[in-house]
Every structure is written in structure tokens, then in C-alpha cells.
């Protein structure tokens, strides 16, 4: 990344190692970060990212909008319909449960 880059993570905390990010920010390897999630949800006052001037942390709420909520509800209903009509859901973390239908 360029030294002028800002890292934005609104997805999953485990995608980024907090200590590595803190080091990169402290050493000027990147300009800043905007985080809606952290590697570990149990954050204490000694967390390496909490007191950095070039970091903004939100309480895992950046995904929210009225449209996102409607889309989430629609997709959930579509998955239920797939299962009720004998299809496998598109989004399944353990698809092996459907192997012996």
C-alpha cells in the first residue's frame, strides 16, 4: 500500500491483524485506518489501535442502511424458500449437511 493509503475494514475483524496494523500506522507505512470491526471483539483500554490519532473505530454498525436491511431480509427469505423447495441454500458454511438428503 502507498504511504498515503487509508485502510477501511467494515467486513470481518479477522481479516486484519490489529498489532500489525498498529505497527504500520505507527511507522507511517500507511496514513490511517477506518475500522468497523477489530480482530478481537474483547477490547480493553490497552488495545494498540485505540489511542492512535490516525484511526477511527466505529461499533460494527457501518453496514447499516434501510436498503441494506431490506436486502438482508429478502436474501434470508430466499434462502428459506430454497430449503423448503428442496434446494440447497446458496450461503451455507457447512454444505456437507446436504450431501445425504
C-alpha atoms as a PDB file:
ATOM      1  CA  UNK A   1       0.000   0.000   0.000  1.00  0.00           C
ATOM      2  CA  UNK A   2       1.080   3.562  -0.538  1.00  0.00           C
ATOM      3  CA  UNK A   3       2.052   5.609   2.497  1.00  0.00           C
ATOM      4  CA  UNK A   4      -0.937   7.857   1.696  1.00  0.00           C
ATOM      5  CA  UNK A   5      -3.394   4.933   1.778  1.00  0.00           C
ATOM      6  CA  UNK A   6      -6.199   4.529   4.292  1.00  0.00           C
ATOM      7  CA  UNK A   7      -7.275   1.017   5.209  1.00  0.00           C
ATOM      8  CA  UNK A   8     -11.042   0.584   5.607  1.00  0.00           C
ATOM      9  CA  UNK A   9     -12.495  -2.601   7.111  1.00  0.00           C
ATOM     10  CA  UNK A  10     -16.247  -2.980   7.564  1.00  0.00           C
ATOM     11  CA  UNK A  11     -16.250  -6.725   6.907  1.00  0.00           C
ATOM     12  CA  UNK A  12     -14.668  -9.093   9.430  1.00  0.00           C
ATOM     13  CA  UNK A  13     -12.183  -8.372  12.183  1.00  0.00           C
ATOM     14  CA  UNK A  14     -10.080 -11.446  11.486  1.00  0.00           C
ATOM     15  CA  UNK A  15      -9.108 -10.105   8.061  1.00  0.00           C
ATOM     16  CA  UNK A  16      -6.588  -7.739   9.625  1.00  0.00           C
ATOM     17  CA  UNK A  17      -4.106  -8.358  12.423  1.00  0.00           C
ATOM     18  CA  UNK A  18      -4.547  -5.442  14.830  1.00  0.00           C
ATOM     19  CA  UNK A  19      -0.950  -5.466  16.080  1.00  0.00           C
ATOM     20  CA  UNK A  20       0.413  -5.459  12.523  1.00  0.00           C
ATOM     21  CA  UNK A  21      -1.910  -2.607  11.567  1.00  0.00           C
ATOM     22  CA  UNK A  22      -0.905  -0.613  14.653  1.00  0.00           C
ATOM     23  CA  UNK A  23       2.757  -1.099  13.768  1.00  0.00           C
ATOM     24  CA  UNK A  24       2.179   0.011  10.166  1.00  0.00           C
ATOM     25  CA  UNK A  25       0.305   3.093  11.361  1.00  0.00           C
ATOM     26  CA  UNK A  26       2.914   3.981  13.985  1.00  0.00           C
ATOM     27  CA  UNK A  27       5.738   3.600  11.463  1.00  0.00           C
ATOM     28  CA  UNK A  28       3.951   5.658   8.796  1.00  0.00           C
ATOM     29  CA  UNK A  29       3.617   2.743   6.380  1.00  0.00           C
ATOM     30  CA  UNK A  30       0.010   3.834   5.747  1.00  0.00           C
ATOM     31  CA  UNK A  31      -1.744   7.110   6.531  1.00  0.00           C
ATOM     32  CA  UNK A  32      -4.668   5.843   8.567  1.00  0.00           C
ATOM     33  CA  UNK A  33      -7.465   3.366   9.123  1.00  0.00           C
ATOM     34  CA  UNK A  34     -11.237   3.334   9.460  1.00  0.00           C
ATOM     35  CA  UNK A  35     -12.418   0.212  11.258  1.00  0.00           C
ATOM     36  CA  UNK A  36     -15.906  -1.053  11.950  1.00  0.00           C
ATOM     37  CA  UNK A  37     -14.526  -4.338  13.312  1.00  0.00           C
ATOM     38  CA  UNK A  38     -11.432  -5.443  15.210  1.00  0.00           C
ATOM     39  CA  UNK A  39      -9.568  -8.734  15.296  1.00  0.00           C
ATOM     40  CA  UNK A  40     -10.851  -9.441  18.805  1.00  0.00           C
ATOM     41  CA  UNK A  41     -14.185  -8.068  19.999  1.00  0.00           C
ATOM     42  CA  UNK A  42     -13.000  -8.053  23.622  1.00  0.00           C
ATOM     43  CA  UNK A  43     -11.131  -4.764  23.525  1.00  0.00           C
ATOM     44  CA  UNK A  44      -9.523  -3.287  26.619  1.00  0.00           C
ATOM     45  CA  UNK A  45      -8.027   0.156  27.213  1.00  0.00           C
ATOM     46  CA  UNK A  46      -4.563  -1.115  26.241  1.00  0.00           C
ATOM     47  CA  UNK A  47      -5.594  -2.096  22.709  1.00  0.00           C
ATOM     48  CA  UNK A  48      -2.878  -0.858  20.305  1.00  0.00           C
ATOM     49  CA  UNK A  49      -5.309   0.935  17.954  1.00  0.00           C
ATOM     50  CA  UNK A  50      -7.491   2.793  20.463  1.00  0.00           C
ATOM     51  CA  UNK A  51      -5.322   5.841  21.066  1.00  0.00           C
ATOM     52  CA  UNK A  52      -3.905   6.406  17.606  1.00  0.00           C
ATOM     53  CA  UNK A  53      -4.753   9.780  16.055  1.00  0.00           C
ATOM     54  CA  UNK A  54      -4.954   8.276  12.558  1.00  0.00           C
ATOM     55  CA  UNK A  55      -7.584   5.614  13.379  1.00  0.00           C
ATOM     56  CA  UNK A  56     -11.361   5.855  13.527  1.00  0.00           C
ATOM     57  CA  UNK A  57     -13.206   2.908  15.099  1.00  0.00           C
ATOM     58  CA  UNK A  58     -16.980   2.505  14.943  1.00  0.00           C
ATOM     59  CA  UNK A  59     -19.093  -0.046  16.867  1.00  0.00           C
ATOM     60  CA  UNK A  60     -19.654  -2.529  13.994  1.00  0.00           C
ATOM     61  CA  UNK A  61     -22.524  -0.506  12.600  1.00  0.00           C
ATOM     62  CA  UNK A  62     -21.143   0.823   9.322  1.00  0.00           C
ATOM     63  CA  UNK A  63     -23.056  -1.767   7.284  1.00  0.00           C
ATOM     64  CA  UNK A  64     -26.433  -0.373   8.279  1.00  0.00           C
ATOM     65  CA  UNK A  65     -28.822   1.400   5.969  1.00  0.00           C
ATOM     66  CA  UNK A  66     -32.528   0.916   5.334  1.00  0.00           C
ATOM     67  CA  UNK A  67     -31.723  -0.627   1.938  1.00  0.00           C
ATOM     68  CA  UNK A  68     -29.125  -2.980   3.449  1.00  0.00           C
ATOM     69  CA  UNK A  69     -31.691  -4.159   5.991  1.00  0.00           C
ATOM     70  CA  UNK A  70     -34.287  -4.780   3.255  1.00  0.00           C
ATOM     71  CA  UNK A  71     -31.705  -6.671   1.170  1.00  0.00           C
ATOM     72  CA  UNK A  72     -30.723  -8.788   4.169  1.00  0.00           C
ATOM     73  CA  UNK A  73     -34.353  -9.682   4.872  1.00  0.00           C
ATOM     74  CA  UNK A  74     -35.004 -10.503   1.213  1.00  0.00           C
ATOM     75  CA  UNK A  75     -31.944 -12.751   0.964  1.00  0.00           C
ATOM     76  CA  UNK A  76     -32.885 -14.578   4.168  1.00  0.00           C
ATOM     77  CA  UNK A  77     -36.360 -15.316   2.804  1.00  0.00           C
ATOM     78  CA  UNK A  78     -34.875 -16.525  -0.495  1.00  0.00           C
ATOM     79  CA  UNK A  79     -32.623 -18.970   1.378  1.00  0.00           C
ATOM     80  CA  UNK A  80     -35.602 -20.322   3.368  1.00  0.00           C
ATOM     81  CA  UNK A  81     -37.589 -20.779   0.150  1.00  0.00           C
ATOM     82  CA  UNK A  82     -34.677 -22.695  -1.411  1.00  0.00           C
ATOM     83  CA  UNK A  83     -34.545 -25.113   1.520  1.00  0.00           C
ATOM     84  CA  UNK A  84     -38.339 -25.552   1.637  1.00  0.00           C
ATOM     85  CA  UNK A  85     -38.406 -26.383  -2.089  1.00  0.00           C
ATOM     86  CA  UNK A  86     -35.651 -28.984  -1.782  1.00  0.00           C
ATOM     87  CA  UNK A  87     -32.726 -26.879  -2.972  1.00  0.00           C
ATOM     88  CA  UNK A  88     -29.513 -26.220  -1.115  1.00  0.00           C
ATOM     89  CA  UNK A  89     -29.062 -22.692   0.184  1.00  0.00           C
ATOM     90  CA  UNK A  90     -26.574 -20.517  -1.689  1.00  0.00           C
ATOM     91  CA  UNK A  91     -24.912 -19.341   1.511  1.00  0.00           C
ATOM     92  CA  UNK A  92     -24.058 -22.329   3.670  1.00  0.00           C
ATOM     93  CA  UNK A  93     -20.968 -22.626   5.859  1.00  0.00           C
ATOM     94  CA  UNK A  94     -21.282 -26.416   6.172  1.00  0.00           C
ATOM     95  CA  UNK A  95     -22.687 -27.724   2.847  1.00  0.00           C
ATOM     96  CA  UNK A  96     -21.765 -31.304   3.784  1.00  0.00           C
ATOM     97  CA  UNK A  97     -25.005 -31.474   5.802  1.00  0.00           C
ATOM     98  CA  UNK A  98     -26.886 -31.594   2.490  1.00  0.00           C
ATOM     99  CA  UNK A  99     -24.846 -34.427   0.940  1.00  0.00           C
ATOM    100  CA  UNK A 100     -27.122 -37.261   2.177  1.00  0.00           C
ATOM    101  CA  UNK A 101     -30.556 -35.771   1.551  1.00  0.00           C
END
